[in-house]
Amino acid sequence: MNKSTQTSKLIILDRDGVINLDSDDYIKSPDEWVAIESSLRAIGRLNDAGFRVGVATNQSGIARGYFDHVTLAMMHKKMSLALSQVGAHVDAIEYCPDHPEQAGPDRKPNPGMAHKLLQQFNADPSQTWFVGDSQSDIQCAVNAGCKPVLVLTGKGQRTQAKGKLPKDLPIFENLSAFVDALLDQKNSLS
């Protein structure tokens, strides 16, 4: 099988609330970007297991004027450095700067960012987990044909409390617990 037809094992992650601590006031600077340490190590375990890891993150703080594209790039550089310190990496980052009131096809729950990651890695959506902490993450996964997972970090507990989630939605305490289940060959997730 040549590379152009070979499919990749892909995991798509939301950023704020999954990889790093979230804030209702937005993460506006590298100083405000604070990693969830167990998530960094979990991404490393995904890397070691042969998964590609993509990030799909709404960043309406740009449209709202809270920060700019350069500041976002500095936050992502900080994330990459934090990941590298535990021997981990993400393979691609897609972000959408759109304001919710002027949302284009990339703003979650629309599937544009997920579609870009699936295409980039030639991944099968039906075999791709999309891990998030919000209703828009879960809906984006469904809209893209991916398998949604809710984590209770970030806005996850509020999302769970609101209900309106797909029946049989896998819910985990955090990204690390999801990765444990995924990599456990006895678990139905694998």
C-alpha atoms as a PDB file:
ATOM      1  CA  MET A   1       0.000   0.000   0.000  1.00  0.00           C
ATOM      2  CA  ASN A   2       1.546   3.318  -0.960  1.00  0.00           C
ATOM      3  CA  LYS A   3       1.458   6.352   1.297  1.00  0.00           C
ATOM      4  CA  SER A   4      -1.241   8.169  -0.663  1.00  0.00           C
ATOM      5  CA  THR A   5      -3.839   5.465   0.034  1.00  0.00           C
ATOM      6  CA  GLN A   6      -2.710   4.445   3.504  1.00  0.00           C
ATOM      7  CA  THR A   7      -5.027   5.660   6.234  1.00  0.00           C
ATOM      8  CA  SER A   8      -3.748   7.065   9.503  1.00  0.00           C
ATOM      9  CA  LYS A   9      -5.013   6.456  12.982  1.00  0.00           C
ATOM     10  CA  LEU A  10      -6.091   9.951  14.036  1.00  0.00           C
ATOM     11  CA  ILE A  11      -7.320  11.416  17.313  1.00  0.00           C
ATOM     12  CA  ILE A  12      -8.751  14.951  17.178  1.00  0.00           C
ATOM     13  CA  LEU A  13      -8.600  17.019  20.360  1.00  0.00           C
ATOM     14  CA  ASP A  14     -10.185  20.269  21.380  1.00  0.00           C
ATOM     15  CA  ARG A  15      -7.569  22.523  23.013  1.00  0.00           C
ATOM     16  CA  ASP A  16      -8.981  24.633  25.871  1.00  0.00           C
ATOM     17  CA  GLY A  17     -10.337  22.390  28.596  1.00  0.00           C
ATOM     18  CA  VAL A  18      -8.811  19.231  27.120  1.00  0.00           C
ATOM     19  CA  ILE A  19      -5.073  19.952  26.721  1.00  0.00           C
ATOM     20  CA  ASN A  20      -4.907  23.073  28.888  1.00  0.00           C
ATOM     21  CA  LEU A  21      -6.960  24.721  31.597  1.00  0.00           C
ATOM     22  CA  ASP A  22      -9.904  26.711  30.281  1.00  0.00           C
ATOM     23  CA  SER A  23     -11.291  30.088  31.302  1.00  0.00           C
ATOM     24  CA  ASP A  24     -14.670  31.718  30.769  1.00  0.00           C
ATOM     25  CA  ASP A  25     -12.620  34.894  30.174  1.00  0.00           C
ATOM     26  CA  TYR A  26     -10.690  33.238  27.297  1.00  0.00           C
ATOM     27  CA  ILE A  27      -7.051  32.209  27.176  1.00  0.00           C
ATOM     28  CA  LYS A  28      -5.559  35.454  25.849  1.00  0.00           C
ATOM     29  CA  SER A  29      -1.783  35.084  26.211  1.00  0.00           C
ATOM     30  CA  PRO A  30       0.962  32.495  26.573  1.00  0.00           C
ATOM     31  CA  ASP A  31       1.052  33.289  30.308  1.00  0.00           C
ATOM     32  CA  GLU A  32      -2.633  32.324  30.599  1.00  0.00           C
ATOM     33  CA  TRP A  33      -2.075  29.057  28.707  1.00  0.00           C
ATOM     34  CA  VAL A  34      -1.560  26.464  31.460  1.00  0.00           C
ATOM     35  CA  ALA A  35      -1.181  22.811  30.524  1.00  0.00           C
ATOM     36  CA  ILE A  36      -3.092  19.959  32.095  1.00  0.00           C
ATOM     37  CA  GLU A  37       0.013  17.880  32.835  1.00  0.00           C
ATOM     38  CA  SER A  38      -1.759  14.525  32.561  1.00  0.00           C
ATOM     39  CA  SER A  39      -3.033  15.555  29.102  1.00  0.00           C
ATOM     40  CA  LEU A  40       0.503  16.213  27.865  1.00  0.00           C
ATOM     41  CA  ARG A  41       1.577  12.728  28.957  1.00  0.00           C
ATOM     42  CA  ALA A  42      -1.593  11.233  27.440  1.00  0.00           C
ATOM     43  CA  ILE A  43      -0.730  12.790  24.074  1.00  0.00           C
ATOM     44  CA  GLY A  44       2.716  11.218  24.385  1.00  0.00           C
ATOM     45  CA  ARG A  45       1.096   7.814  24.904  1.00  0.00           C
ATOM     46  CA  LEU A  46      -1.006   8.370  21.766  1.00  0.00           C
ATOM     47  CA  ASN A  47       2.157   9.289  19.833  1.00  0.00           C
ATOM     48  CA  ASP A  48       3.903   6.142  21.094  1.00  0.00           C
ATOM     49  CA  ALA A  49       0.909   4.007  20.069  1.00  0.00           C
ATOM     50  CA  GLY A  50       1.112   5.277  16.480  1.00  0.00           C
ATOM     51  CA  PHE A  51      -1.773   7.733  16.500  1.00  0.00           C
ATOM     52  CA  ARG A  52      -1.631  11.062  14.721  1.00  0.00           C
ATOM     53  CA  VAL A  53      -2.905  13.836  16.993  1.00  0.00           C
ATOM     54  CA  GLY A  54      -4.724  16.839  15.558  1.00  0.00           C
ATOM     55  CA  VAL A  55      -6.123  19.838  17.418  1.00  0.00           C
ATOM     56  CA  ALA A  56      -9.322  21.618  16.348  1.00  0.00           C
ATOM     57  CA  THR A  57      -9.961  24.757  18.374  1.00  0.00           C
ATOM     58  CA  ASN A  58     -12.389  27.657  18.127  1.00  0.00           C
ATOM     59  CA  GLN A  59     -10.488  30.860  18.906  1.00  0.00           C
ATOM     60  CA  SER A  60     -13.105  33.609  18.678  1.00  0.00           C
ATOM     61  CA  GLY A  61     -10.935  35.723  20.991  1.00  0.00           C
ATOM     62  CA  ILE A  62      -9.230  36.845  17.765  1.00  0.00           C
ATOM     63  CA  ALA A  63     -12.496  38.165  16.250  1.00  0.00           C
ATOM     64  CA  ARG A  64     -13.394  39.680  19.614  1.00  0.00           C
ATOM     65  CA  GLY A  65     -10.086  41.592  19.697  1.00  0.00           C
ATOM     66  CA  TYR A  66      -8.757  39.873  22.851  1.00  0.00           C
ATOM     67  CA  PHE A  67      -5.595  38.648  21.102  1.00  0.00           C
ATOM     68  CA  ASP A  68      -4.192  38.329  17.591  1.00  0.00           C
ATOM     69  CA  HIS A  69      -2.890  35.541  15.353  1.00  0.00           C
ATOM     70  CA  VAL A  70       0.711  36.134  16.500  1.00  0.00           C
ATOM     71  CA  THR A  71      -0.280  35.758  20.167  1.00  0.00           C
ATOM     72  CA  LEU A  72      -2.151  32.565  19.322  1.00  0.00           C
ATOM     73  CA  ALA A  73       0.955  31.258  17.556  1.00  0.00           C
ATOM     74  CA  MET A  74       2.965  32.008  20.708  1.00  0.00           C
ATOM     75  CA  MET A  75       0.405  30.044  22.791  1.00  0.00           C
ATOM     76  CA  HIS A  76       0.755  27.110  20.405  1.00  0.00           C
ATOM     77  CA  LYS A  77       4.548  27.372  20.591  1.00  0.00           C
ATOM     78  CA  LYS A  78       4.265  27.167  24.393  1.00  0.00           C
ATOM     79  CA  MET A  79       2.021  24.116  24.000  1.00  0.00           C
ATOM     80  CA  SER A  80       4.525  22.462  21.644  1.00  0.00           C
ATOM     81  CA  LEU A  81       7.384  23.130  24.046  1.00  0.00           C
ATOM     82  CA  ALA A  82       5.399  21.747  26.996  1.00  0.00           C
ATOM     83  CA  LEU A  83       4.581  18.637  24.967  1.00  0.00           C
ATOM     84  CA  SER A  84       8.204  18.189  23.882  1.00  0.00           C
ATOM     85  CA  GLN A  85       9.315  18.251  27.524  1.00  0.00           C
ATOM     86  CA  VAL A  86       7.395  14.997  28.052  1.00  0.00           C
ATOM     87  CA  GLY A  87       8.411  13.515  24.682  1.00  0.00           C
ATOM     88  CA  ALA A  88       5.081  14.309  23.012  1.00  0.00           C
ATOM     89  CA  HIS A  89       3.817  16.320  20.046  1.00  0.00           C
ATOM     90  CA  VAL A  90       0.709  17.202  18.086  1.00  0.00           C
ATOM     91  CA  ASP A  91       0.854  16.618  14.351  1.00  0.00           C
ATOM     92  CA  ALA A  92      -1.407  19.479  13.242  1.00  0.00           C
ATOM     93  CA  ILE A  93      -3.398  22.382  14.665  1.00  0.00           C
ATOM     94  CA  GLU A  94      -6.482  23.838  13.020  1.00  0.00           C
ATOM     95  CA  TYR A  95      -8.054  26.915  14.566  1.00  0.00           C
ATOM     96  CA  CYS A  96     -11.025  29.067  13.695  1.00  0.00           C
ATOM     97  CA  PRO A  97     -10.922  32.777  14.607  1.00  0.00           C
ATOM     98  CA  ASP A  98     -14.565  33.414  13.641  1.00  0.00           C
ATOM     99  CA  HIS A  99     -16.980  35.218  15.932  1.00  0.00           C
ATOM    100  CA  PRO A 100     -19.985  33.001  16.745  1.00  0.00           C
ATOM    101  CA  GLU A 101     -22.315  35.532  15.121  1.00  0.00           C
ATOM    102  CA  GLN A 102     -20.319  35.348  11.870  1.00  0.00           C
ATOM    103  CA  ALA A 103     -19.430  31.673  11.932  1.00  0.00           C
ATOM    104  CA  GLY A 104     -18.044  30.115   8.802  1.00  0.00           C
ATOM    105  CA  PRO A 105     -17.776  26.420   7.957  1.00  0.00           C
ATOM    106  CA  ASP A 106     -14.782  25.893  10.262  1.00  0.00           C
ATOM    107  CA  ARG A 107     -16.298  27.141  13.519  1.00  0.00           C
ATOM    108  CA  LYS A 108     -17.392  24.221  15.667  1.00  0.00           C
ATOM    109  CA  PRO A 109     -20.002  22.727  15.702  1.00  0.00           C
ATOM    110  CA  ASN A 110     -19.490  22.976  11.923  1.00  0.00           C
ATOM    111  CA  PRO A 111     -17.142  20.208  10.754  1.00  0.00           C
ATOM    112  CA  GLY A 112     -14.669  22.219   8.646  1.00  0.00           C
ATOM    113  CA  MET A 113     -11.629  21.882  10.922  1.00  0.00           C
ATOM    114  CA  ALA A 114     -12.289  18.184  11.498  1.00  0.00           C
ATOM    115  CA  HIS A 115     -12.668  17.622   7.745  1.00  0.00           C
ATOM    116  CA  LYS A 116      -9.306  19.362   7.137  1.00  0.00           C
ATOM    117  CA  LEU A 117      -7.557  17.142   9.698  1.00  0.00           C
ATOM    118  CA  LEU A 118      -9.211  13.978   8.357  1.00  0.00           C
ATOM    119  CA  GLN A 119      -8.120  14.896   4.828  1.00  0.00           C
ATOM    120  CA  GLN A 120      -4.592  15.869   5.871  1.00  0.00           C
ATOM    121  CA  PHE A 121      -4.013  12.486   7.492  1.00  0.00           C
ATOM    122  CA  ASN A 122      -6.187  10.447   5.124  1.00  0.00           C
ATOM    123  CA  ALA A 123      -8.101   9.246   8.166  1.00  0.00           C
ATOM    124  CA  ASP A 124     -11.393   7.380   8.248  1.00  0.00           C
ATOM    125  CA  PRO A 125     -13.876   9.506  10.238  1.00  0.00           C
ATOM    126  CA  SER A 126     -15.692   6.407  11.484  1.00  0.00           C
ATOM    127  CA  GLN A 127     -12.426   5.291  13.106  1.00  0.00           C
ATOM    128  CA  THR A 128     -11.449   8.732  14.446  1.00  0.00           C
ATOM    129  CA  TRP A 129     -12.149   9.799  18.014  1.00  0.00           C
ATOM    130  CA  PHE A 130     -12.860  13.495  18.641  1.00  0.00           C
ATOM    131  CA  VAL A 131     -12.294  14.459  22.283  1.00  0.00           C
ATOM    132  CA  GLY A 132     -13.848  17.640  23.640  1.00  0.00           C
ATOM    133  CA  ASP A 133     -15.381  19.303  26.672  1.00  0.00           C
ATOM    134  CA  SER A 134     -18.292  21.181  25.094  1.00  0.00           C
ATOM    135  CA  GLN A 135     -21.508  20.594  23.220  1.00  0.00           C
ATOM    136  CA  SER A 136     -19.972  22.205  20.110  1.00  0.00           C
ATOM    137  CA  ASP A 137     -17.098  19.675  20.210  1.00  0.00           C
ATOM    138  CA  ILE A 138     -19.494  16.738  20.469  1.00  0.00           C
ATOM    139  CA  GLN A 139     -21.705  18.117  17.686  1.00  0.00           C
ATOM    140  CA  CYS A 140     -18.667  18.809  15.489  1.00  0.00           C
ATOM    141  CA  ALA A 141     -17.576  15.183  15.902  1.00  0.00           C
ATOM    142  CA  VAL A 142     -21.044  13.964  14.917  1.00  0.00           C
ATOM    143  CA  ASN A 143     -21.219  16.404  11.980  1.00  0.00           C
ATOM    144  CA  ALA A 144     -17.831  15.164  10.706  1.00  0.00           C
ATOM    145  CA  GLY A 145     -18.751  11.493  11.104  1.00  0.00           C
ATOM    146  CA  CYS A 146     -16.222  11.001  13.916  1.00  0.00           C
ATOM    147  CA  LYS A 147     -16.681   9.214  17.235  1.00  0.00           C
ATOM    148  CA  PRO A 148     -17.302  11.815  19.985  1.00  0.00           C
ATOM    149  CA  VAL A 149     -15.901  11.650  23.515  1.00  0.00           C
ATOM    150  CA  LEU A 150     -16.645  14.043  26.372  1.00  0.00           C
ATOM    151  CA  VAL A 151     -14.053  14.789  29.034  1.00  0.00           C
ATOM    152  CA  LEU A 152     -15.097  16.383  32.314  1.00  0.00           C
ATOM    153  CA  THR A 153     -12.188  18.832  32.461  1.00  0.00           C
ATOM    154  CA  GLY A 154     -12.751  22.382  31.241  1.00  0.00           C
ATOM    155  CA  LYS A 155     -16.438  22.891  30.525  1.00  0.00           C
ATOM    156  CA  GLY A 156     -17.097  19.141  30.527  1.00  0.00           C
ATOM    157  CA  GLN A 157     -19.008  18.954  33.810  1.00  0.00           C
ATOM    158  CA  ARG A 158     -21.282  21.829  32.746  1.00  0.00           C
ATOM    159  CA  THR A 159     -21.797  20.176  29.373  1.00  0.00           C
ATOM    160  CA  GLN A 160     -22.725  16.896  31.014  1.00  0.00           C
ATOM    161  CA  ALA A 161     -25.085  18.616  33.454  1.00  0.00           C
ATOM    162  CA  LYS A 162     -26.978  20.313  30.602  1.00  0.00           C
ATOM    163  CA  GLY A 163     -27.793  16.948  29.045  1.00  0.00           C
ATOM    164  CA  LYS A 164     -28.709  16.935  25.340  1.00  0.00           C
ATOM    165  CA  LEU A 165     -25.799  14.585  24.656  1.00  0.00           C
ATOM    166  CA  PRO A 166     -25.837  11.625  22.286  1.00  0.00           C
ATOM    167  CA  LYS A 167     -26.979   8.365  23.837  1.00  0.00           C
ATOM    168  CA  ASP A 168     -24.044   6.096  24.742  1.00  0.00           C
ATOM    169  CA  LEU A 169     -21.573   9.002  24.556  1.00  0.00           C
ATOM    170  CA  PRO A 170     -18.300   7.881  26.168  1.00  0.00           C
ATOM    171  CA  ILE A 171     -17.512  10.212  29.094  1.00  0.00           C
ATOM    172  CA  PHE A 172     -14.160  10.295  30.887  1.00  0.00           C
ATOM    173  CA  GLU A 173     -12.724  12.226  33.808  1.00  0.00           C
ATOM    174  CA  ASN A 174      -9.972  13.646  31.594  1.00  0.00           C
ATOM    175  CA  LEU A 175      -7.940  12.998  28.454  1.00  0.00           C
ATOM    176  CA  SER A 176      -5.603  10.665  30.318  1.00  0.00           C
ATOM    177  CA  ALA A 177      -8.504   8.416  31.376  1.00  0.00           C
ATOM    178  CA  PHE A 178      -9.755   8.286  27.773  1.00  0.00           C
ATOM    179  CA  VAL A 179      -6.293   7.344  26.484  1.00  0.00           C
ATOM    180  CA  ASP A 180      -6.003   4.662  29.185  1.00  0.00           C
ATOM    181  CA  ALA A 181      -9.287   3.159  27.969  1.00  0.00           C
ATOM    182  CA  LEU A 182      -8.371   3.485  24.294  1.00  0.00           C
ATOM    183  CA  LEU A 183      -5.016   1.771  24.718  1.00  0.00           C
ATOM    184  CA  ASP A 184      -6.370  -0.956  27.003  1.00  0.00           C
ATOM    185  CA  GLN A 185      -6.874  -3.865  24.588  1.00  0.00           C
ATOM    186  CA  LYS A 186      -9.594  -5.333  26.856  1.00  0.00           C
ATOM    187  CA  ASN A 187     -11.682  -2.178  26.571  1.00  0.00           C
ATOM    188  CA  SER A 188     -14.453  -1.835  24.023  1.00  0.00           C
ATOM    189  CA  LEU A 189     -13.012   1.489  22.835  1.00  0.00           C
ATOM    190  CA  SER A 190      -9.985  -0.114  21.221  1.00  0.00           C
END
